[in-house]
Each structure stands twice: as C-alpha cells, then as structure tokens.
Amino acid sequence: MRARSVAAPPPGAPRCDTLWAMVWARRRNDSLGRASALVLLFLGGCTNDYDGLLPPSASAATGAATGPGSGGAGGASGTGAAGSSGSSSGAGGESVECDRGLTGCAGRCVATDEDPDHCGACGHDCAGGTCTAGSCSPVLIASAQSEPDAIAVDATHAYWTDPASGKVSRAPLAGGPVTVLLESLSFPKGIALGSTVAYVADQEAGTVIAVPKAGGASMTIAAGQQSPRQVAVDDTHVYWTNNGPNGSVARAPLGGGSVTELVTGQAAPAGIALDATSVYWTNELNGDVMKKAIGNGDPAQLVSDGTGIAVRLTADASFVFWTNYNGGQVFRAPLSGGNPTAIAQDQGVVIGVVVDADHVYWAASDENRIMRAPKAGGPLETFAGDQPEPAGMAIDANCIYWVNSGDGTVMKRAK
C-alpha cells in the first residue's frame, strides 16, 4: 500500500534545506521514524518547525494546534482543555491525507478497489471475501454437501436442508466445521428458525420436526401432513404449506400441540411468508398468490392465475415478491392486492428470492448465478456468477446467503 503524504518541509535556514529534504523523503516512504527524524533535525540545528513530522491527526487540515496550552481533546476545532497538549481530530475519526488513488478510511489510507474492509466505500466489509475492482467476492461457508435446498441464518450460523442426503446441518457463518442436526429424514425441504430451535418440513414423511439449533433430541411438531413443503415461524407458532393438489396452510404452537388448518382447498401451496398480521403463500399449480389474516377471516387472492409455477416468496412492509420456477420471472405485488409487476424475465429456472431495503435478489438456477435488481424494477445485475445451480436463499443485515445444489456448497457474499 502506498504511504500517506505528509507536509513539505517548512522554510528554514539555507543550511537546513538539504537535511529537511532528506528527512521528508524518508518519512514519505515510512523508512524513518518520527523520533529519529526529530533527533537528526535537532543535531543539525534545524529546530524551527516540526509540522511536517507530526502524525496526520495534527496536520493543518484538521485545524489542530501544537505546543503548550493547545487542544488535545477538543475535536475538529483543534481546541481542548487549557494547558493540555497533543493533537485532535474530528468526531468521525482521525483525519488523514492520502496519495492520489487512495481514500482515507478509519484514520488510514486505503485502496477501496482492493481493501476487503473498505471495498468500494469506507466501511464496506467483505465479510471474509476478497475485494476486486471495488466488489466483494463470494465466500464458502461449507462444501461436500449433497444437494442442499433451503437455508436459514441467525447471528452466528447458517442452517440448511439436504433432501438428497436426508440431513439438516449447520456451520458458522464465517465457515468452519459442519454439524449434522438431523439425519435419516425422508426428504427435508423447508427450514425456519426460532430463538433456540430449527423447524424442518420433511416432505415425504409428512412431518414437521423441531430440533435444537445447537444440536440434541428432536421433536415431531406435526405428523400425517400432506407433503409439507416450506416453513415460517413467528413468536408463538410454526406455519407450513401442505403441497398436495388439495393442499392447505397449517400451523401449530412452537412447543408442539394441536395442528390448525388456516385454509384448505389450495392448489399445491409452496412458498410461505409472514408479517405481523397475515400469512402469504403461493399456489404452485395455478400461479395464485394468496393472503389470509392469521386470526379469523377468509383467504384473499392477491394475484390470480397466469404467472406460471409460483414457488418461493418473501414479503416486505409493502409488497410480496415471488419466483416463477419455470417461466424465468420474478414478480412483486402490493400486499393489499393488485396487478403483478415483473421485476425480471428470461431468467431460466428461478428458485429462491430475498429482499432488503433496496434490492430483490434471486437464484437463477440453470444460469448458475445470483441476480439482483432494484425492488421497484430497474437494471438487472449479476450479484454472484459461476454458482452451480443455486437454490434456496437467506439474508441478514450484511450478507446474502445461498446453497448451490449443483456442487453441494453453502455460500455468502457481502451486500
């Protein structure tokens, strides 16, 4: 990394010019310590001004003063307690002058096109990835899985289902050992997380299972269900879709208890999402997107027919977003109902979908990439390329997570 720039030597007696030039050049290349430089100048009788040797927080750009009675804790103004000495900087951190092409971030000069702690902008952390041309690379969380399908994350770990192996596993978000939480399941599909428990839909066994996130004995929440597919949780209940041709949406208390069918007679419910008052789901066979109040009330059809095989979905405060599995499309519609808007088309097979404050992200599985676009629609962007058949997705404040069913990897990338 290139060295920070320092002030040019101040004017002095002619005999000092050569010594000042030498000291300044060596300081610029970080080959001469400040204390050593001061000794050289003192012995040479060049003691008129040391500004060019002061640390960056004391440079003239910060308005700092030096010497007795100048500020040490006063902030950007450079004023502090009377009689104190030292230097000061603004509340945003130490001010620093940088060479051309470098940016001052957190008191040091960095190249934002390659610094993984400040990738593209100060403070944009690549979360373990590398930074190339101001963009973070994907990071491997786990490998050597069979065909992982759905993923969920909490503050420390990623959790995923693997229908091909019959396992449910977890690994640290930073990568590390994989822990198998459940095995010998028939066909585990959806997964959702409570505070201490993971909830899993075993589609072929017709069961919804709870297992401690840290590992331990599992408990059957519901049995005899009709192809339970995807799962969601709130503070009190676990919800799931029963994916049969005469399917239903059901729920049960988090700790087990009576199963309640919220709605029946649905055309193969698949994806599911919740907000504080309602449950949302897709009907895979007819492309409907549905809504029902969690309490009493009839189901409402938000979007009717014609959007293909509607699979997974998610919601924010205003819209529901879903994917058309075989039509290569990503849609949104108002939570109150209305015409769908196509955010993306011609994406091949599309599976997982997540949203944040600005973007919607989706897994273009047979095109081997994770894509994103503005939530209101706009230019499409490849968020992560060369991902073998990505499927389920998850999101937190910093990263996007997904599983690749094509090579059995679990991945993340900083947003």
Protein backbone atom coordinates (compact mmCIF):
# COMPACT_ATOMS: atom_id res chain seq x y z
CA MET A 1 0.00 0.00 0.00
CA ARG A 2 1.24 3.44 -0.79
CA ALA A 3 2.35 5.64 2.10
CA ARG A 4 0.32 8.60 3.28
CA SER A 5 1.54 12.02 2.25
CA VAL A 6 3.00 14.45 4.77
CA ALA A 7 3.52 18.17 4.63
CA ALA A 8 6.50 19.55 2.77
CA PRO A 9 9.43 20.77 4.91
CA PRO A 10 8.93 24.31 6.10
CA PRO A 11 11.30 27.06 5.00
CA GLY A 12 14.35 27.36 7.19
CA ALA A 13 17.94 28.48 7.21
CA PRO A 14 19.78 27.55 3.98
CA ARG A 15 21.99 25.06 5.83
CA CYS A 16 18.89 23.04 6.76
CA ASP A 17 17.41 22.71 3.29
CA THR A 18 19.28 19.54 2.36
CA LEU A 19 18.61 17.87 5.73
CA TRP A 20 14.89 18.74 5.61
CA ALA A 21 14.61 17.33 2.09
CA MET A 22 16.27 14.06 3.13
CA VAL A 23 14.07 13.66 6.22
CA TRP A 24 10.90 14.48 4.35
CA ALA A 25 11.63 11.99 1.55
CA ARG A 26 12.40 9.20 4.01
CA ARG A 27 9.31 9.96 6.07
CA ARG A 28 7.14 9.74 2.94
CA ASN A 29 8.45 6.22 2.36
CA ASP A 30 7.92 5.23 6.01
CA SER A 31 11.63 4.43 6.31
CA LEU A 32 12.38 6.90 9.08
CA GLY A 33 10.61 7.01 12.42
CA ARG A 34 9.35 10.34 13.74
CA ALA A 35 11.62 10.26 16.81
CA SER A 36 14.69 9.55 14.67
CA ALA A 37 13.77 12.38 12.32
CA LEU A 38 13.47 14.83 15.21
CA VAL A 39 16.91 13.81 16.51
CA LEU A 40 18.51 14.35 13.09
CA LEU A 41 17.00 17.79 12.75
CA PHE A 42 17.91 18.81 16.30
CA LEU A 43 21.53 17.73 15.88
CA GLY A 44 21.61 19.66 12.60
CA GLY A 45 20.35 22.79 14.32
CA CYS A 46 17.15 22.76 12.25
CA THR A 47 14.58 23.24 15.01
CA ASN A 48 12.37 25.97 13.61
CA ASP A 49 9.32 23.85 12.68
CA TYR A 50 8.30 20.22 13.08
CA ASP A 51 4.86 20.34 11.46
CA GLY A 52 5.90 18.06 8.61
CA LEU A 53 6.78 15.29 11.07
CA LEU A 54 3.61 15.33 13.15
CA PRO A 55 1.07 12.48 12.93
CA PRO A 56 -1.81 13.04 10.48
CA SER A 57 -4.30 13.92 13.22
CA ALA A 58 -2.22 17.02 13.98
CA SER A 59 -1.93 18.26 10.40
CA ALA A 60 -3.12 21.69 9.40
CA ALA A 61 -6.09 20.06 7.60
CA THR A 62 -7.69 19.19 10.96
CA GLY A 63 -7.15 22.64 12.44
CA ALA A 64 -5.05 21.16 15.25
CA ALA A 65 -2.57 23.22 17.22
CA THR A 66 0.61 22.09 18.91
CA GLY A 67 2.61 23.16 21.87
CA PRO A 68 1.72 24.18 25.44
CA GLY A 69 -1.87 25.21 26.01
CA SER A 70 -3.17 23.83 22.72
CA GLY A 71 -6.09 21.41 22.35
CA GLY A 72 -5.85 17.69 22.84
CA ALA A 73 -9.47 16.61 23.20
CA GLY A 74 -11.43 19.33 21.57
CA GLY A 75 -12.48 17.61 18.33
CA ALA A 76 -12.48 19.13 14.87
CA SER A 77 -11.81 22.64 16.07
CA GLY A 78 -8.45 21.60 17.50
CA THR A 79 -9.20 23.26 20.84
CA GLY A 80 -9.17 21.40 24.12
CA ALA A 81 -8.60 21.73 27.80
CA ALA A 82 -6.48 24.72 28.79
CA GLY A 83 -2.89 23.82 29.46
CA SER A 84 -3.12 20.43 27.70
CA SER A 85 -1.01 19.39 24.74
CA GLY A 86 -1.33 16.98 21.86
CA SER A 87 -3.46 16.80 18.73
CA SER A 88 -7.11 16.33 17.88
CA SER A 89 -9.32 15.17 15.08
CA GLY A 90 -12.97 15.31 14.16
CA ALA A 91 -15.66 13.09 15.65
CA GLY A 92 -15.57 10.88 12.57
CA GLY A 93 -12.09 9.64 13.39
CA GLU A 94 -8.54 10.57 12.60
CA SER A 95 -8.16 12.81 9.56
CA VAL A 96 -5.58 11.64 7.07
CA GLU A 97 -4.10 12.99 3.84
CA CYS A 98 -3.71 10.34 1.15
CA ASP A 99 -1.85 9.97 -2.11
CA ARG A 100 -3.80 10.05 -5.35
CA GLY A 101 -5.89 6.87 -5.75
CA LEU A 102 -6.20 6.23 -2.00
CA THR A 103 -9.08 7.12 0.31
CA GLY A 104 -8.94 8.00 3.98
CA CYS A 105 -10.97 5.41 5.93
CA ALA A 106 -10.86 4.99 9.71
CA GLY A 107 -7.65 7.00 10.01
CA ARG A 108 -5.65 5.22 7.34
CA CYS A 109 -5.19 5.42 3.60
CA VAL A 110 -6.72 2.52 1.70
CA ALA A 111 -7.31 1.45 -1.88
CA THR A 112 -11.08 0.93 -1.92
CA ASP A 113 -10.78 -1.09 -5.13
CA GLU A 114 -8.95 -3.86 -3.23
CA ASP A 115 -9.26 -3.37 0.53
CA PRO A 116 -11.64 -6.06 1.96
CA ASP A 117 -12.51 -3.87 4.97
CA HIS A 118 -13.39 -0.87 2.80
CA CYS A 119 -14.42 -2.39 -0.51
CA GLY A 120 -15.86 0.19 -2.86
CA ALA A 121 -16.53 2.56 0.03
CA CYS A 122 -15.32 3.21 3.57
CA GLY A 123 -16.71 0.65 5.98
CA HIS A 124 -17.98 -1.83 3.37
CA ASP A 125 -16.67 -5.09 4.84
CA CYS A 126 -16.38 -8.13 2.55
CA ALA A 127 -17.15 -10.49 5.48
CA GLY A 128 -14.20 -12.74 4.75
CA GLY A 129 -14.19 -12.30 0.97
CA THR A 130 -11.63 -10.61 -1.20
CA CYS A 131 -12.16 -7.21 -2.83
CA THR A 132 -11.54 -6.85 -6.56
CA ALA A 133 -12.34 -3.68 -8.50
CA GLY A 134 -14.39 -2.46 -5.55
CA SER A 135 -16.61 -5.57 -5.43
CA CYS A 136 -16.63 -8.32 -2.78
CA SER A 137 -16.18 -11.96 -3.75
CA PRO A 138 -18.44 -14.84 -2.59
CA VAL A 139 -17.27 -16.75 0.49
CA LEU A 140 -17.52 -20.51 1.05
CA ILE A 141 -19.31 -21.47 4.28
CA ALA A 142 -19.49 -25.24 3.71
CA SER A 143 -18.80 -27.78 0.99
CA ALA A 144 -19.20 -31.52 0.32
CA GLN A 145 -22.97 -31.48 0.84
CA SER A 146 -25.20 -33.49 -1.47
CA GLU A 147 -27.92 -31.28 -2.98
CA PRO A 148 -28.80 -28.61 -0.40
CA ASP A 149 -32.16 -26.97 -0.98
CA ALA A 150 -33.27 -24.41 1.66
CA ILE A 151 -31.24 -22.21 4.00
CA ALA A 152 -31.86 -20.02 7.05
CA VAL A 153 -29.43 -17.97 9.14
CA ASP A 154 -29.18 -16.47 12.60
CA ALA A 155 -26.50 -14.22 14.09
CA THR A 156 -23.83 -16.95 14.18
CA HIS A 157 -24.71 -19.89 11.93
CA ALA A 158 -26.21 -20.98 8.63
CA TYR A 159 -28.66 -23.93 8.63
CA TRP A 160 -29.75 -25.88 5.58
CA THR A 161 -31.74 -28.88 4.40
CA ASP A 162 -30.38 -31.53 2.05
CA PRO A 163 -33.16 -33.69 0.57
CA ALA A 164 -30.75 -35.95 -1.30
CA SER A 165 -28.88 -36.98 1.86
CA GLY A 166 -31.81 -36.70 4.29
CA LYS A 167 -29.81 -34.35 6.52
CA VAL A 168 -30.22 -30.99 8.19
CA SER A 169 -26.91 -29.32 9.04
CA ARG A 170 -25.35 -26.10 10.24
CA ALA A 171 -21.97 -24.31 10.08
CA PRO A 172 -20.59 -20.99 11.38
CA LEU A 173 -21.31 -18.01 9.14
CA ALA A 174 -17.56 -17.44 8.88
CA GLY A 175 -17.08 -21.04 7.74
CA GLY A 176 -15.91 -23.97 9.82
CA PRO A 177 -16.96 -27.46 10.87
CA VAL A 178 -20.34 -28.72 9.67
CA THR A 179 -22.61 -30.12 12.37
CA VAL A 180 -25.38 -32.53 11.37
CA LEU A 181 -28.51 -31.73 13.39
CA LEU A 182 -30.85 -34.30 11.79
CA GLU A 183 -30.22 -37.28 9.55
CA SER A 184 -32.11 -40.21 8.04
CA LEU A 185 -35.04 -37.97 7.11
CA SER A 186 -37.11 -38.88 4.06
CA PHE A 187 -36.95 -35.61 2.11
CA PRO A 188 -36.27 -32.49 4.21
CA LYS A 189 -37.32 -29.30 2.38
CA GLY A 190 -38.17 -26.05 4.16
CA ILE A 191 -36.42 -24.72 7.27
CA ALA A 192 -37.13 -21.79 9.58
CA LEU A 193 -35.54 -20.66 12.84
CA GLY A 194 -36.91 -19.79 16.24
CA SER A 195 -34.77 -18.37 19.01
CA THR A 196 -33.28 -21.73 20.00
CA VAL A 197 -34.94 -24.25 17.69
CA ALA A 198 -34.90 -25.04 13.97
CA TYR A 199 -38.14 -26.21 12.34
CA VAL A 200 -37.99 -28.51 9.32
CA ALA A 201 -40.58 -29.86 6.90
CA ASP A 202 -39.91 -33.49 5.95
CA GLN A 203 -42.00 -33.61 2.79
CA GLU A 204 -42.15 -37.32 2.03
CA ALA A 205 -42.61 -38.33 5.69
CA GLY A 206 -45.44 -35.82 6.15
CA THR A 207 -43.91 -34.39 9.33
CA VAL A 208 -42.79 -31.07 10.74
CA ILE A 209 -39.88 -31.50 13.12
CA ALA A 210 -38.22 -29.29 15.74
CA VAL A 211 -34.55 -29.69 16.66
CA PRO A 212 -32.38 -27.54 18.96
CA LYS A 213 -30.14 -25.27 16.90
CA ALA A 214 -27.16 -26.31 18.98
CA GLY A 215 -27.99 -29.99 18.46
CA GLY A 216 -29.88 -32.51 20.55
CA ALA A 217 -33.04 -34.58 20.58
CA SER A 218 -35.68 -33.66 18.01
CA MET A 219 -39.45 -33.48 18.47
CA THR A 220 -42.26 -34.05 15.99
CA ILE A 221 -44.48 -30.98 15.87
CA ALA A 222 -46.96 -32.40 13.36
CA ALA A 223 -47.42 -35.78 11.65
CA GLY A 224 -49.75 -37.01 8.91
CA GLN A 225 -49.39 -33.83 6.86
CA GLN A 226 -49.86 -33.78 3.07
CA SER A 227 -46.37 -33.14 1.68
CA PRO A 228 -45.27 -30.28 3.97
CA ARG A 229 -43.06 -28.05 1.84
CA GLN A 230 -41.90 -24.70 3.24
CA VAL A 231 -41.89 -23.35 6.81
CA ALA A 232 -42.15 -20.00 8.61
CA VAL A 233 -42.24 -19.03 12.28
CA ASP A 234 -43.43 -16.15 14.43
CA ASP A 235 -43.15 -15.67 18.20
CA THR A 236 -45.74 -18.32 19.04
CA HIS A 237 -46.32 -20.71 16.12
CA VAL A 238 -44.70 -22.58 13.28
CA TYR A 239 -46.53 -22.41 9.91
CA TRP A 240 -46.15 -24.62 6.85
CA THR A 241 -47.60 -25.31 3.41
CA ASN A 242 -49.08 -28.74 2.62
CA ASN A 243 -48.16 -29.15 -1.03
CA GLY A 244 -50.85 -31.61 -2.18
CA PRO A 245 -53.29 -30.86 -5.05
CA ASN A 246 -55.98 -30.22 -2.43
CA GLY A 247 -53.48 -28.58 -0.12
CA SER A 248 -53.64 -26.44 2.98
CA VAL A 249 -51.74 -23.97 5.13
CA ALA A 250 -51.43 -25.10 8.74
CA ARG A 251 -49.83 -24.08 12.00
CA ALA A 252 -49.02 -25.45 15.46
CA PRO A 253 -47.54 -23.97 18.68
CA LEU A 254 -43.74 -23.76 18.67
CA GLY A 255 -43.50 -26.24 21.52
CA GLY A 256 -45.96 -28.69 19.99
CA GLY A 257 -49.72 -29.06 20.35
CA SER A 258 -52.83 -29.09 18.22
CA VAL A 259 -52.47 -28.52 14.48
CA THR A 260 -54.80 -25.89 13.00
CA GLU A 261 -55.53 -25.69 9.28
CA LEU A 262 -55.79 -22.00 8.45
CA VAL A 263 -57.04 -22.63 4.94
CA THR A 264 -57.80 -25.71 2.82
CA GLY A 265 -58.62 -26.48 -0.81
CA GLN A 266 -55.48 -24.83 -2.21
CA ALA A 267 -53.71 -25.80 -5.45
CA ALA A 268 -50.45 -27.19 -4.04
CA PRO A 269 -49.27 -24.42 -1.68
CA ALA A 270 -45.50 -23.99 -1.87
CA GLY A 271 -43.71 -20.84 -0.61
CA ILE A 272 -44.79 -19.14 2.61
CA ALA A 273 -44.09 -15.82 4.35
CA LEU A 274 -45.42 -13.97 7.39
CA ASP A 275 -45.87 -10.47 8.69
CA ALA A 276 -47.39 -9.32 11.97
CA THR A 277 -50.99 -9.86 10.85
CA SER A 278 -51.09 -12.16 7.82
CA VAL A 279 -49.72 -15.28 6.21
CA TYR A 280 -48.88 -15.31 2.48
CA TRP A 281 -48.34 -18.28 0.20
CA THR A 282 -48.01 -19.31 -3.44
CA ASN A 283 -50.14 -21.98 -5.11
CA GLU A 284 -47.78 -23.91 -7.29
CA LEU A 285 -50.31 -25.42 -9.69
CA ASN A 286 -52.21 -22.30 -10.77
CA GLY A 287 -49.77 -19.47 -10.02
CA ASP A 288 -52.01 -17.79 -7.43
CA VAL A 289 -50.50 -15.69 -4.66
CA MET A 290 -52.70 -15.76 -1.58
CA LYS A 291 -53.11 -13.99 1.74
CA LYS A 292 -55.02 -14.69 4.94
CA ALA A 293 -55.25 -12.91 8.27
CA ILE A 294 -53.60 -15.01 10.95
CA GLY A 295 -56.75 -14.74 13.04
CA ASN A 296 -60.24 -15.13 11.61
CA GLY A 297 -61.16 -14.31 8.03
CA ASP A 298 -61.28 -15.80 4.57
CA PRO A 299 -58.28 -16.14 2.28
CA ALA A 300 -57.77 -13.38 -0.28
CA GLN A 301 -56.34 -13.82 -3.74
CA LEU A 302 -53.62 -11.20 -4.23
CA VAL A 303 -52.69 -12.36 -7.73
CA SER A 304 -54.84 -14.62 -9.87
CA ASP A 305 -53.57 -17.10 -12.41
CA GLY A 306 -51.13 -16.71 -15.24
CA THR A 307 -47.75 -16.29 -13.54
CA GLY A 308 -46.67 -19.90 -14.03
CA ILE A 309 -45.37 -22.24 -11.34
CA ALA A 310 -45.20 -19.90 -8.36
CA VAL A 311 -42.77 -21.33 -5.82
CA ARG A 312 -40.90 -19.40 -3.15
CA LEU A 313 -41.84 -15.97 -1.90
CA THR A 314 -40.94 -13.29 0.60
CA ALA A 315 -42.51 -10.01 1.74
CA ASP A 316 -41.55 -6.58 3.00
CA ALA A 317 -43.74 -3.89 4.54
CA SER A 318 -45.48 -3.06 1.24
CA PHE A 319 -45.09 -5.87 -1.28
CA VAL A 320 -44.92 -9.61 -1.70
CA PHE A 321 -42.22 -10.97 -4.05
CA TRP A 322 -42.16 -14.42 -5.64
CA THR A 323 -40.46 -16.50 -8.31
CA ASN A 324 -41.93 -18.32 -11.32
CA TYR A 325 -39.99 -21.56 -11.32
CA ASN A 326 -40.13 -22.49 -15.00
CA GLY A 327 -41.03 -19.12 -16.51
CA GLY A 328 -37.81 -17.37 -15.52
CA GLN A 329 -39.60 -14.49 -13.86
CA VAL A 330 -39.52 -12.56 -10.57
CA PHE A 331 -42.68 -10.67 -9.60
CA ARG A 332 -43.99 -8.33 -6.97
CA ALA A 333 -47.49 -7.21 -5.99
CA PRO A 334 -48.90 -4.96 -3.27
CA LEU A 335 -49.80 -6.66 0.00
CA SER A 336 -53.30 -5.28 -0.46
CA GLY A 337 -53.60 -6.94 -3.88
CA GLY A 338 -53.30 -5.64 -7.42
CA ASN A 339 -51.65 -6.34 -10.72
CA PRO A 340 -48.26 -8.07 -10.53
CA THR A 341 -45.15 -6.29 -11.77
CA ALA A 342 -42.40 -8.31 -13.43
CA ILE A 343 -39.05 -7.29 -11.96
CA ALA A 344 -37.10 -9.77 -14.08
CA GLN A 345 -37.85 -12.05 -17.03
CA ASP A 346 -35.96 -14.63 -19.10
CA GLN A 347 -34.01 -15.86 -16.09
CA GLY A 348 -34.34 -19.58 -16.78
CA VAL A 349 -35.31 -21.68 -13.76
CA VAL A 350 -35.71 -19.36 -10.78
CA ILE A 351 -35.93 -20.64 -7.19
CA GLY A 352 -35.00 -18.62 -4.07
CA VAL A 353 -35.84 -14.96 -3.51
CA VAL A 354 -35.00 -12.45 -0.73
CA VAL A 355 -35.29 -8.67 -0.35
CA ASP A 356 -33.59 -5.90 1.61
CA ALA A 357 -34.32 -2.17 1.77
CA ASP A 358 -33.18 -1.53 -1.80
CA HIS A 359 -32.97 -4.71 -3.85
CA VAL A 360 -34.59 -8.02 -4.61
CA TYR A 361 -32.20 -10.97 -5.07
CA TRP A 362 -32.98 -14.30 -6.71
CA ALA A 363 -31.37 -17.60 -7.64
CA ALA A 364 -31.25 -18.07 -11.43
CA SER A 365 -30.52 -21.76 -11.02
CA ASP A 366 -29.89 -23.06 -14.52
CA GLU A 367 -27.97 -19.89 -15.39
CA ASN A 368 -25.69 -20.53 -12.40
CA ARG A 369 -25.86 -17.10 -10.83
CA ILE A 370 -27.38 -14.97 -8.11
CA MET A 371 -29.05 -11.88 -9.54
CA ARG A 372 -30.42 -8.65 -8.14
CA ALA A 373 -32.40 -5.61 -9.24
CA PRO A 374 -33.95 -2.56 -7.55
CA LYS A 375 -37.16 -3.54 -5.75
CA ALA A 376 -39.19 -1.11 -7.83
CA GLY A 377 -37.69 -2.52 -11.03
CA GLY A 378 -34.65 -1.43 -12.98
CA PRO A 379 -31.36 -2.75 -14.37
CA LEU A 380 -30.50 -6.36 -13.59
CA GLU A 381 -27.11 -7.12 -12.08
CA THR A 382 -25.20 -10.36 -11.59
CA PHE A 383 -24.52 -10.41 -7.86
CA ALA A 384 -22.55 -13.69 -7.88
CA GLY A 385 -21.65 -15.63 -11.00
CA ASP A 386 -20.37 -19.18 -11.52
CA GLN A 387 -22.61 -20.65 -8.83
CA PRO A 388 -23.63 -24.22 -9.74
CA GLU A 389 -27.45 -24.40 -9.63
CA PRO A 390 -28.21 -22.06 -6.73
CA ALA A 391 -31.47 -22.83 -4.92
CA GLY A 392 -32.64 -21.53 -1.53
CA MET A 393 -31.59 -18.13 -0.22
CA ALA A 394 -31.44 -16.21 3.07
CA ILE A 395 -30.49 -12.69 4.09
CA ASP A 396 -29.29 -10.66 7.06
CA ALA A 397 -28.19 -7.05 7.50
CA ASN A 398 -24.78 -7.61 5.89
CA CYS A 399 -24.85 -10.59 3.55
CA ILE A 400 -26.82 -12.69 1.09
CA TYR A 401 -26.64 -16.48 1.66
CA TRP A 402 -27.49 -19.33 -0.69
CA VAL A 403 -26.99 -23.03 -1.31
CA ASN A 404 -25.71 -24.50 -4.57
CA SER A 405 -27.43 -27.78 -5.31
CA GLY A 406 -25.10 -28.43 -8.25
CA ASP A 407 -21.89 -28.80 -6.23
CA GLY A 408 -23.12 -29.09 -2.64
CA THR A 409 -21.76 -25.77 -1.38
CA VAL A 410 -23.15 -23.20 1.03
CA MET A 411 -22.17 -19.63 0.17
CA LYS A 412 -22.44 -15.99 1.20
CA ARG A 413 -21.50 -12.60 -0.19
CA ALA A 414 -21.48 -9.17 1.42
CA LYS A 415 -24.20 -6.92 0.01
